[in-house]
Amino acid sequence: MQKIHALIFTVLVALSASVSAAPVDINTANAAMLATAIDGVGEKKAATIVQYRETHGAFASVDELAKIKGIGAATVERNRPRLMVAPPPLQSGKQE
C-alpha cells in the first residue's frame, strides 16, 4: 500500500511540474518543443510552424499561429497559457 501511495505521489508531482512549466516561445522553439507544448499539434504541424516562421519572420503574437493552415483560433486559445512571444532583443548601435 505504501508503494502505491508513493507512486501516486510521484505521478502527481510530475503532472504538476509539467502544468506549471514556463510558456514556450513560438519564435525560438524547435518543432519537437512545439509539438510537445501545443495541444492538438503533432510533429508535422510543428514543423510547418517552424517553416512558416523561417519564411515569414518572427511571430508578433501568439494569435498569428492561426495564420497557419490547420491551426484555428480555438487551438490558439486552448494553448495560449503554454505559449508566448518574447520581445525582440534590443539593437545595440550608435546613438547620436
C-alpha atoms as a PDB file:
ATOM      1  CA  MET A   1       0.000   0.000   0.000  1.00  0.00           C
ATOM      2  CA  GLN A   2       2.835   2.364   0.837  1.00  0.00           C
ATOM      3  CA  LYS A   3       4.395   1.767  -2.599  1.00  0.00           C
ATOM      4  CA  ILE A   4       1.113   2.654  -4.296  1.00  0.00           C
ATOM      5  CA  HIS A   5       0.924   5.917  -2.351  1.00  0.00           C
ATOM      6  CA  ALA A   6       4.498   6.737  -3.298  1.00  0.00           C
ATOM      7  CA  LEU A   7       3.747   6.007  -6.945  1.00  0.00           C
ATOM      8  CA  ILE A   8       0.638   8.197  -6.908  1.00  0.00           C
ATOM      9  CA  PHE A   9       2.576  10.991  -5.234  1.00  0.00           C
ATOM     10  CA  THR A  10       5.344  10.743  -7.851  1.00  0.00           C
ATOM     11  CA  VAL A  11       2.834  10.892 -10.704  1.00  0.00           C
ATOM     12  CA  LEU A  12       1.064  13.902  -9.185  1.00  0.00           C
ATOM     13  CA  VAL A  13       4.337  15.757  -8.697  1.00  0.00           C
ATOM     14  CA  ALA A  14       5.350  15.052 -12.287  1.00  0.00           C
ATOM     15  CA  LEU A  15       1.992  16.249 -13.591  1.00  0.00           C
ATOM     16  CA  SER A  16       2.070  19.440 -11.544  1.00  0.00           C
ATOM     17  CA  ALA A  17       5.580  20.202 -12.787  1.00  0.00           C
ATOM     18  CA  SER A  18       4.511  19.891 -16.417  1.00  0.00           C
ATOM     19  CA  VAL A  19       1.421  22.035 -15.869  1.00  0.00           C
ATOM     20  CA  SER A  20       3.376  24.831 -14.227  1.00  0.00           C
ATOM     21  CA  ALA A  21       6.192  24.791 -16.788  1.00  0.00           C
ATOM     22  CA  ALA A  22       7.174  28.090 -18.324  1.00  0.00           C
ATOM     23  CA  PRO A  23       5.479  29.046 -21.587  1.00  0.00           C
ATOM     24  CA  VAL A  24       7.258  28.119 -24.825  1.00  0.00           C
ATOM     25  CA  ASP A  25       8.428  30.958 -27.076  1.00  0.00           C
ATOM     26  CA  ILE A  26       6.991  30.155 -30.509  1.00  0.00           C
ATOM     27  CA  ASN A  27       9.760  32.195 -32.145  1.00  0.00           C
ATOM     28  CA  THR A  28      12.632  30.158 -30.744  1.00  0.00           C
ATOM     29  CA  ALA A  29      11.210  26.681 -30.068  1.00  0.00           C
ATOM     30  CA  ASN A  30      12.096  23.844 -32.403  1.00  0.00           C
ATOM     31  CA  ALA A  31       9.459  21.535 -33.895  1.00  0.00           C
ATOM     32  CA  ALA A  32       9.798  18.932 -31.139  1.00  0.00           C
ATOM     33  CA  MET A  33       9.259  21.543 -28.423  1.00  0.00           C
ATOM     34  CA  LEU A  34       6.243  22.989 -30.250  1.00  0.00           C
ATOM     35  CA  ALA A  35       4.686  19.551 -30.741  1.00  0.00           C
ATOM     36  CA  THR A  36       5.031  18.881 -27.029  1.00  0.00           C
ATOM     37  CA  ALA A  37       3.767  22.298 -25.914  1.00  0.00           C
ATOM     38  CA  ILE A  38       0.793  22.773 -28.247  1.00  0.00           C
ATOM     39  CA  ASP A  39      -2.201  20.547 -27.612  1.00  0.00           C
ATOM     40  CA  GLY A  40      -3.579  19.336 -30.942  1.00  0.00           C
ATOM     41  CA  VAL A  41      -0.339  19.894 -32.869  1.00  0.00           C
ATOM     42  CA  GLY A  42       1.871  16.971 -33.835  1.00  0.00           C
ATOM     43  CA  GLU A  43       5.371  16.803 -35.282  1.00  0.00           C
ATOM     44  CA  LYS A  44       4.248  17.564 -38.852  1.00  0.00           C
ATOM     45  CA  LYS A  45       2.236  20.663 -37.955  1.00  0.00           C
ATOM     46  CA  ALA A  46       5.009  21.820 -35.603  1.00  0.00           C
ATOM     47  CA  ALA A  47       7.485  21.559 -38.494  1.00  0.00           C
ATOM     48  CA  THR A  48       5.072  23.671 -40.553  1.00  0.00           C
ATOM     49  CA  ILE A  49       5.108  26.309 -37.797  1.00  0.00           C
ATOM     50  CA  VAL A  50       8.914  26.431 -37.860  1.00  0.00           C
ATOM     51  CA  GLN A  51       8.965  26.628 -41.656  1.00  0.00           C
ATOM     52  CA  TYR A  52       6.369  29.422 -41.630  1.00  0.00           C
ATOM     53  CA  ARG A  53       8.452  31.324 -39.098  1.00  0.00           C
ATOM     54  CA  GLU A  54      11.606  30.910 -41.189  1.00  0.00           C
ATOM     55  CA  THR A  55       9.814  32.068 -44.351  1.00  0.00           C
ATOM     56  CA  HIS A  56       7.737  34.941 -42.941  1.00  0.00           C
ATOM     57  CA  GLY A  57       9.816  36.048 -39.970  1.00  0.00           C
ATOM     58  CA  ALA A  58       9.098  36.037 -36.268  1.00  0.00           C
ATOM     59  CA  PHE A  59       5.578  35.934 -34.926  1.00  0.00           C
ATOM     60  CA  ALA A  60       4.462  39.251 -33.429  1.00  0.00           C
ATOM     61  CA  SER A  61       1.922  37.498 -31.194  1.00  0.00           C
ATOM     62  CA  VAL A  62       0.624  34.056 -30.328  1.00  0.00           C
ATOM     63  CA  ASP A  63      -2.549  34.912 -32.289  1.00  0.00           C
ATOM     64  CA  GLU A  64      -0.545  34.761 -35.526  1.00  0.00           C
ATOM     65  CA  LEU A  65      -0.368  30.967 -35.203  1.00  0.00           C
ATOM     66  CA  ALA A  66      -3.905  30.994 -36.618  1.00  0.00           C
ATOM     67  CA  LYS A  67      -2.404  32.079 -39.980  1.00  0.00           C
ATOM     68  CA  ILE A  68      -1.060  28.551 -40.367  1.00  0.00           C
ATOM     69  CA  LYS A  69      -3.383  26.173 -42.199  1.00  0.00           C
ATOM     70  CA  GLY A  70      -4.851  23.678 -39.758  1.00  0.00           C
ATOM     71  CA  ILE A  71      -4.432  25.872 -36.677  1.00  0.00           C
ATOM     72  CA  GLY A  72      -7.554  27.788 -35.810  1.00  0.00           C
ATOM     73  CA  ALA A  73      -8.468  30.373 -33.216  1.00  0.00           C
ATOM     74  CA  ALA A  74      -9.807  27.658 -30.895  1.00  0.00           C
ATOM     75  CA  THR A  75      -6.441  25.865 -30.898  1.00  0.00           C
ATOM     76  CA  VAL A  76      -4.665  29.147 -30.200  1.00  0.00           C
ATOM     77  CA  GLU A  77      -6.998  29.971 -27.297  1.00  0.00           C
ATOM     78  CA  ARG A  78      -6.736  26.486 -25.795  1.00  0.00           C
ATOM     79  CA  ASN A  79      -2.944  26.704 -25.818  1.00  0.00           C
ATOM     80  CA  ARG A  80      -2.453  30.405 -25.009  1.00  0.00           C
ATOM     81  CA  PRO A  81      -1.278  29.790 -21.395  1.00  0.00           C
ATOM     82  CA  ARG A  82       1.500  27.494 -22.687  1.00  0.00           C
ATOM     83  CA  LEU A  83       2.792  29.834 -25.400  1.00  0.00           C
ATOM     84  CA  MET A  84       4.490  33.208 -25.609  1.00  0.00           C
ATOM     85  CA  VAL A  85       6.338  35.568 -27.907  1.00  0.00           C
ATOM     86  CA  ALA A  86       9.371  37.093 -26.222  1.00  0.00           C
ATOM     87  CA  PRO A  87      10.127  40.720 -27.022  1.00  0.00           C
ATOM     88  CA  PRO A  88      12.820  41.158 -29.673  1.00  0.00           C
ATOM     89  CA  PRO A  89      16.324  41.813 -28.350  1.00  0.00           C
ATOM     90  CA  LEU A  90      17.387  45.430 -28.146  1.00  0.00           C
ATOM     91  CA  GLN A  91      19.506  46.573 -31.049  1.00  0.00           C
ATOM     92  CA  SER A  92      22.852  47.911 -29.916  1.00  0.00           C
ATOM     93  CA  GLY A  93      24.028  50.649 -32.161  1.00  0.00           C
ATOM     94  CA  LYS A  94      25.417  54.110 -32.215  1.00  0.00           C
ATOM     95  CA  GLN A  95      23.268  56.818 -30.731  1.00  0.00           C
ATOM     96  CA  GLU A  96      23.785  60.341 -31.929  1.00  0.00           C
END
